[in-house]
């Protein structure tokens, strides 16, 4: 049986929720699947021989990815390239249709420019605005960005833009990668 490893980096927990939904959907479809945070993978190591497919996801914050994402790719590039793979990003900018596609999402294009790894598959997922749970400076900075992009700026705002059925469809699609 093909076993999938879902790797993720999450800062506020939303990307972890996306990764868990992917894992649970694959399991519901009868697929063997495990999930690991990049920090856990770095510290504990990965038995790559157990996995025939790998999926990795990361959030975009302030227009960039956490440096741990590229460090992990650099350290594990051969293993990532040795099997069918997918990369997904999670960003609030993907709340608009034109920025929710691989081609239209400048952060996915930035990932492709910066990453030496070329996944078999790519996915853009809309994220979540959660001002009450963000720190003061993050909330302030993101509210400023939202003001410039006609997004929500009320500091009490919590809006989950993620299309969860689309995430489950993506997971089912991942089961077809070979």
C-alpha atoms as a PDB file:
ATOM      1  CA  UNK A   1       0.000   0.000   0.000  1.00  0.00           C
ATOM      2  CA  UNK A   2       1.216   3.466  -0.865  1.00  0.00           C
ATOM      3  CA  UNK A   3       1.950   5.540   2.233  1.00  0.00           C
ATOM      4  CA  UNK A   4       1.910   9.339   2.116  1.00  0.00           C
ATOM      5  CA  UNK A   5       3.808  11.679   4.405  1.00  0.00           C
ATOM      6  CA  UNK A   6       2.208  15.085   4.970  1.00  0.00           C
ATOM      7  CA  UNK A   7       4.827  17.569   6.169  1.00  0.00           C
ATOM      8  CA  UNK A   8       3.920  21.068   7.233  1.00  0.00           C
ATOM      9  CA  UNK A   9       5.205  24.243   8.810  1.00  0.00           C
ATOM     10  CA  UNK A  10       2.591  26.185  10.744  1.00  0.00           C
ATOM     11  CA  UNK A  11       2.920  29.381  12.677  1.00  0.00           C
ATOM     12  CA  UNK A  12      -0.576  30.036  14.019  1.00  0.00           C
ATOM     13  CA  UNK A  13      -2.076  26.572  13.567  1.00  0.00           C
ATOM     14  CA  UNK A  14      -4.117  27.043  10.404  1.00  0.00           C
ATOM     15  CA  UNK A  15      -1.660  25.271   8.091  1.00  0.00           C
ATOM     16  CA  UNK A  16      -1.540  22.428  10.630  1.00  0.00           C
ATOM     17  CA  UNK A  17      -5.346  22.187  10.365  1.00  0.00           C
ATOM     18  CA  UNK A  18      -5.079  22.047   6.554  1.00  0.00           C
ATOM     19  CA  UNK A  19      -2.421  19.310   6.815  1.00  0.00           C
ATOM     20  CA  UNK A  20      -4.591  17.340   9.263  1.00  0.00           C
ATOM     21  CA  UNK A  21      -7.594  17.612   6.919  1.00  0.00           C
ATOM     22  CA  UNK A  22      -5.439  16.262   4.073  1.00  0.00           C
ATOM     23  CA  UNK A  23      -4.210  13.385   6.227  1.00  0.00           C
ATOM     24  CA  UNK A  24      -7.678  12.506   7.519  1.00  0.00           C
ATOM     25  CA  UNK A  25      -9.179  12.652   4.016  1.00  0.00           C
ATOM     26  CA  UNK A  26      -6.504  10.334   2.656  1.00  0.00           C
ATOM     27  CA  UNK A  27      -7.112   7.953   5.563  1.00  0.00           C
ATOM     28  CA  UNK A  28     -10.883   8.101   4.968  1.00  0.00           C
ATOM     29  CA  UNK A  29     -10.137   7.099   1.358  1.00  0.00           C
ATOM     30  CA  UNK A  30      -8.280   4.013   2.606  1.00  0.00           C
ATOM     31  CA  UNK A  31      -4.802   5.470   2.127  1.00  0.00           C
ATOM     32  CA  UNK A  32      -1.996   5.032   4.641  1.00  0.00           C
ATOM     33  CA  UNK A  33      -0.860   8.489   5.742  1.00  0.00           C
ATOM     34  CA  UNK A  34       1.242  10.130   8.441  1.00  0.00           C
ATOM     35  CA  UNK A  35       1.687  13.793   9.308  1.00  0.00           C
ATOM     36  CA  UNK A  36       4.756  15.579  10.703  1.00  0.00           C
ATOM     37  CA  UNK A  37       5.642  19.156  11.555  1.00  0.00           C
ATOM     38  CA  UNK A  38       8.918  20.243   9.913  1.00  0.00           C
ATOM     39  CA  UNK A  39      10.475  20.900  13.322  1.00  0.00           C
ATOM     40  CA  UNK A  40       9.586  17.372  14.443  1.00  0.00           C
ATOM     41  CA  UNK A  41      10.921  15.960  11.166  1.00  0.00           C
ATOM     42  CA  UNK A  42      14.166  17.874  11.614  1.00  0.00           C
ATOM     43  CA  UNK A  43      14.662  16.786  15.230  1.00  0.00           C
ATOM     44  CA  UNK A  44      13.363  13.214  15.026  1.00  0.00           C
ATOM     45  CA  UNK A  45      14.299  12.394  11.455  1.00  0.00           C
ATOM     46  CA  UNK A  46      12.198  10.676   8.826  1.00  0.00           C
ATOM     47  CA  UNK A  47      12.333   7.037   7.787  1.00  0.00           C
ATOM     48  CA  UNK A  48      11.937   7.860   4.101  1.00  0.00           C
ATOM     49  CA  UNK A  49      11.745   4.170   3.169  1.00  0.00           C
ATOM     50  CA  UNK A  50       8.211   4.113   4.638  1.00  0.00           C
ATOM     51  CA  UNK A  51       6.853   6.686   2.189  1.00  0.00           C
ATOM     52  CA  UNK A  52       6.067   6.479  -1.501  1.00  0.00           C
ATOM     53  CA  UNK A  53       4.525   9.955  -1.724  1.00  0.00           C
ATOM     54  CA  UNK A  54       5.174  13.238   0.091  1.00  0.00           C
ATOM     55  CA  UNK A  55       3.162  16.432   0.517  1.00  0.00           C
ATOM     56  CA  UNK A  56       4.533  19.573   2.109  1.00  0.00           C
ATOM     57  CA  UNK A  57       2.722  22.756   3.077  1.00  0.00           C
ATOM     58  CA  UNK A  58       3.678  26.140   4.455  1.00  0.00           C
ATOM     59  CA  UNK A  59       1.997  29.448   5.214  1.00  0.00           C
ATOM     60  CA  UNK A  60       2.919  32.728   3.596  1.00  0.00           C
ATOM     61  CA  UNK A  61       3.438  35.537   6.076  1.00  0.00           C
ATOM     62  CA  UNK A  62       4.447  39.029   4.994  1.00  0.00           C
ATOM     63  CA  UNK A  63       4.981  37.735   1.487  1.00  0.00           C
ATOM     64  CA  UNK A  64       7.494  35.044   2.347  1.00  0.00           C
ATOM     65  CA  UNK A  65       7.972  31.556   3.757  1.00  0.00           C
ATOM     66  CA  UNK A  66       9.689  30.697   7.009  1.00  0.00           C
ATOM     67  CA  UNK A  67      13.378  29.951   6.458  1.00  0.00           C
ATOM     68  CA  UNK A  68      12.858  26.472   7.937  1.00  0.00           C
ATOM     69  CA  UNK A  69      10.913  25.496   4.802  1.00  0.00           C
ATOM     70  CA  UNK A  70      13.871  26.109   2.491  1.00  0.00           C
ATOM     71  CA  UNK A  71      16.352  24.645   4.992  1.00  0.00           C
ATOM     72  CA  UNK A  72      14.286  21.441   5.097  1.00  0.00           C
ATOM     73  CA  UNK A  73      14.120  21.304   1.300  1.00  0.00           C
ATOM     74  CA  UNK A  74      17.866  21.823   1.019  1.00  0.00           C
ATOM     75  CA  UNK A  75      18.582  19.068   3.565  1.00  0.00           C
ATOM     76  CA  UNK A  76      16.066  16.601   2.068  1.00  0.00           C
ATOM     77  CA  UNK A  77      15.960  17.486  -1.610  1.00  0.00           C
ATOM     78  CA  UNK A  78      17.060  14.045  -2.840  1.00  0.00           C
ATOM     79  CA  UNK A  79      14.334  12.314  -0.818  1.00  0.00           C
ATOM     80  CA  UNK A  80      11.675  14.806  -1.894  1.00  0.00           C
ATOM     81  CA  UNK A  81      12.620  14.328  -5.549  1.00  0.00           C
ATOM     82  CA  UNK A  82      12.762  10.531  -5.267  1.00  0.00           C
ATOM     83  CA  UNK A  83       8.972  10.167  -5.055  1.00  0.00           C
ATOM     84  CA  UNK A  84       5.796  11.842  -6.312  1.00  0.00           C
ATOM     85  CA  UNK A  85       5.336  15.043  -4.345  1.00  0.00           C
ATOM     86  CA  UNK A  86       3.180  18.087  -3.874  1.00  0.00           C
ATOM     87  CA  UNK A  87       3.673  21.473  -2.260  1.00  0.00           C
ATOM     88  CA  UNK A  88       0.844  23.676  -1.014  1.00  0.00           C
ATOM     89  CA  UNK A  89       0.938  27.177   0.360  1.00  0.00           C
ATOM     90  CA  UNK A  90      -1.642  28.832   2.597  1.00  0.00           C
ATOM     91  CA  UNK A  91      -2.201  32.568   2.301  1.00  0.00           C
ATOM     92  CA  UNK A  92      -4.956  35.088   2.866  1.00  0.00           C
ATOM     93  CA  UNK A  93      -4.173  36.680  -0.505  1.00  0.00           C
ATOM     94  CA  UNK A  94      -5.596  33.511  -2.106  1.00  0.00           C
ATOM     95  CA  UNK A  95      -9.053  34.640  -0.951  1.00  0.00           C
ATOM     96  CA  UNK A  96      -9.523  36.211  -4.380  1.00  0.00           C
ATOM     97  CA  UNK A  97     -10.073  33.965  -7.416  1.00  0.00           C
ATOM     98  CA  UNK A  98      -7.262  35.470  -9.485  1.00  0.00           C
ATOM     99  CA  UNK A  99      -4.726  34.808  -6.702  1.00  0.00           C
ATOM    100  CA  UNK A 100      -5.976  31.334  -5.789  1.00  0.00           C
ATOM    101  CA  UNK A 101      -4.294  29.582  -8.715  1.00  0.00           C
ATOM    102  CA  UNK A 102      -0.693  28.424  -9.027  1.00  0.00           C
ATOM    103  CA  UNK A 103      -0.170  30.790 -11.968  1.00  0.00           C
ATOM    104  CA  UNK A 104      -1.905  33.763 -10.337  1.00  0.00           C
ATOM    105  CA  UNK A 105      -0.380  33.427  -6.889  1.00  0.00           C
ATOM    106  CA  UNK A 106       2.845  35.404  -6.712  1.00  0.00           C
ATOM    107  CA  UNK A 107       3.867  33.583  -3.535  1.00  0.00           C
ATOM    108  CA  UNK A 108       3.744  30.231  -5.299  1.00  0.00           C
ATOM    109  CA  UNK A 109       5.765  31.754  -8.108  1.00  0.00           C
ATOM    110  CA  UNK A 110       8.220  33.046  -5.497  1.00  0.00           C
ATOM    111  CA  UNK A 111       8.457  29.538  -4.016  1.00  0.00           C
ATOM    112  CA  UNK A 112       9.299  28.148  -7.455  1.00  0.00           C
ATOM    113  CA  UNK A 113      11.985  30.817  -7.918  1.00  0.00           C
ATOM    114  CA  UNK A 114      13.616  30.167  -4.532  1.00  0.00           C
ATOM    115  CA  UNK A 115      13.262  26.413  -4.173  1.00  0.00           C
ATOM    116  CA  UNK A 116      15.624  23.914  -5.797  1.00  0.00           C
ATOM    117  CA  UNK A 117      12.910  21.227  -5.354  1.00  0.00           C
ATOM    118  CA  UNK A 118      10.383  20.823  -8.156  1.00  0.00           C
ATOM    119  CA  UNK A 119       7.317  19.062  -6.754  1.00  0.00           C
ATOM    120  CA  UNK A 120       5.197  16.944  -9.076  1.00  0.00           C
ATOM    121  CA  UNK A 121       2.138  18.964  -8.065  1.00  0.00           C
ATOM    122  CA  UNK A 122       1.322  22.394  -6.583  1.00  0.00           C
ATOM    123  CA  UNK A 123      -1.695  23.836  -4.752  1.00  0.00           C
ATOM    124  CA  UNK A 124      -2.700  27.265  -3.445  1.00  0.00           C
ATOM    125  CA  UNK A 125      -5.051  27.327  -0.449  1.00  0.00           C
ATOM    126  CA  UNK A 126      -6.762  30.393   0.997  1.00  0.00           C
ATOM    127  CA  UNK A 127      -5.939  31.046   4.628  1.00  0.00           C
ATOM    128  CA  UNK A 128      -7.534  32.663   7.631  1.00  0.00           C
ATOM    129  CA  UNK A 129      -7.653  36.156   9.093  1.00  0.00           C
ATOM    130  CA  UNK A 130      -7.554  35.834  12.876  1.00  0.00           C
ATOM    131  CA  UNK A 131      -6.694  39.211  14.366  1.00  0.00           C
ATOM    132  CA  UNK A 132      -7.688  38.359  17.976  1.00  0.00           C
ATOM    133  CA  UNK A 133      -5.191  35.489  18.088  1.00  0.00           C
ATOM    134  CA  UNK A 134      -2.312  37.279  16.412  1.00  0.00           C
ATOM    135  CA  UNK A 135       0.173  39.356  18.324  1.00  0.00           C
ATOM    136  CA  UNK A 136      -0.160  43.143  18.345  1.00  0.00           C
ATOM    137  CA  UNK A 137       2.548  43.793  15.736  1.00  0.00           C
ATOM    138  CA  UNK A 138       1.383  41.008  13.393  1.00  0.00           C
ATOM    139  CA  UNK A 139      -2.196  42.209  13.660  1.00  0.00           C
ATOM    140  CA  UNK A 140      -1.199  45.804  12.997  1.00  0.00           C
ATOM    141  CA  UNK A 141       0.989  44.946  10.004  1.00  0.00           C
ATOM    142  CA  UNK A 142      -1.572  42.629   8.441  1.00  0.00           C
ATOM    143  CA  UNK A 143      -4.358  45.172   8.974  1.00  0.00           C
ATOM    144  CA  UNK A 144      -2.244  47.681   7.053  1.00  0.00           C
ATOM    145  CA  UNK A 145      -1.740  45.164   4.237  1.00  0.00           C
ATOM    146  CA  UNK A 146      -5.471  44.420   4.249  1.00  0.00           C
ATOM    147  CA  UNK A 147      -6.292  48.107   4.040  1.00  0.00           C
ATOM    148  CA  UNK A 148      -4.150  48.347   0.896  1.00  0.00           C
ATOM    149  CA  UNK A 149      -5.777  45.229  -0.618  1.00  0.00           C
ATOM    150  CA  UNK A 150      -9.390  45.990   0.366  1.00  0.00           C
ATOM    151  CA  UNK A 151      -9.497  43.210   2.949  1.00  0.00           C
ATOM    152  CA  UNK A 152     -11.009  43.187   6.448  1.00  0.00           C
ATOM    153  CA  UNK A 153      -9.353  45.541   8.951  1.00  0.00           C
ATOM    154  CA  UNK A 154     -11.562  45.327  12.053  1.00  0.00           C
ATOM    155  CA  UNK A 155      -9.275  44.031  14.844  1.00  0.00           C
ATOM    156  CA  UNK A 156     -12.041  41.687  16.044  1.00  0.00           C
ATOM    157  CA  UNK A 157     -12.265  39.968  12.652  1.00  0.00           C
ATOM    158  CA  UNK A 158     -11.927  36.211  12.290  1.00  0.00           C
ATOM    159  CA  UNK A 159     -12.615  34.970   8.756  1.00  0.00           C
ATOM    160  CA  UNK A 160     -11.656  31.531   7.496  1.00  0.00           C
ATOM    161  CA  UNK A 161     -11.339  31.828   3.707  1.00  0.00           C
ATOM    162  CA  UNK A 162     -10.338  28.177   3.317  1.00  0.00           C
ATOM    163  CA  UNK A 163     -12.588  26.120   1.067  1.00  0.00           C
ATOM    164  CA  UNK A 164     -12.473  22.909   3.094  1.00  0.00           C
ATOM    165  CA  UNK A 165     -14.169  20.828   0.405  1.00  0.00           C
ATOM    166  CA  UNK A 166     -11.477  21.979  -2.026  1.00  0.00           C
ATOM    167  CA  UNK A 167      -8.835  20.863   0.513  1.00  0.00           C
ATOM    168  CA  UNK A 168     -10.493  17.430   0.685  1.00  0.00           C
ATOM    169  CA  UNK A 169     -10.637  17.302  -3.147  1.00  0.00           C
ATOM    170  CA  UNK A 170      -6.920  18.146  -3.209  1.00  0.00           C
ATOM    171  CA  UNK A 171      -6.240  15.290  -0.780  1.00  0.00           C
ATOM    172  CA  UNK A 172      -8.177  12.859  -2.984  1.00  0.00           C
ATOM    173  CA  UNK A 173      -6.173  14.159  -5.972  1.00  0.00           C
ATOM    174  CA  UNK A 174      -2.948  13.463  -4.066  1.00  0.00           C
ATOM    175  CA  UNK A 175      -3.895   9.792  -3.879  1.00  0.00           C
ATOM    176  CA  UNK A 176      -3.579   9.659  -7.680  1.00  0.00           C
ATOM    177  CA  UNK A 177       0.012  10.946  -7.823  1.00  0.00           C
ATOM    178  CA  UNK A 178       2.377   8.229  -8.921  1.00  0.00           C
END
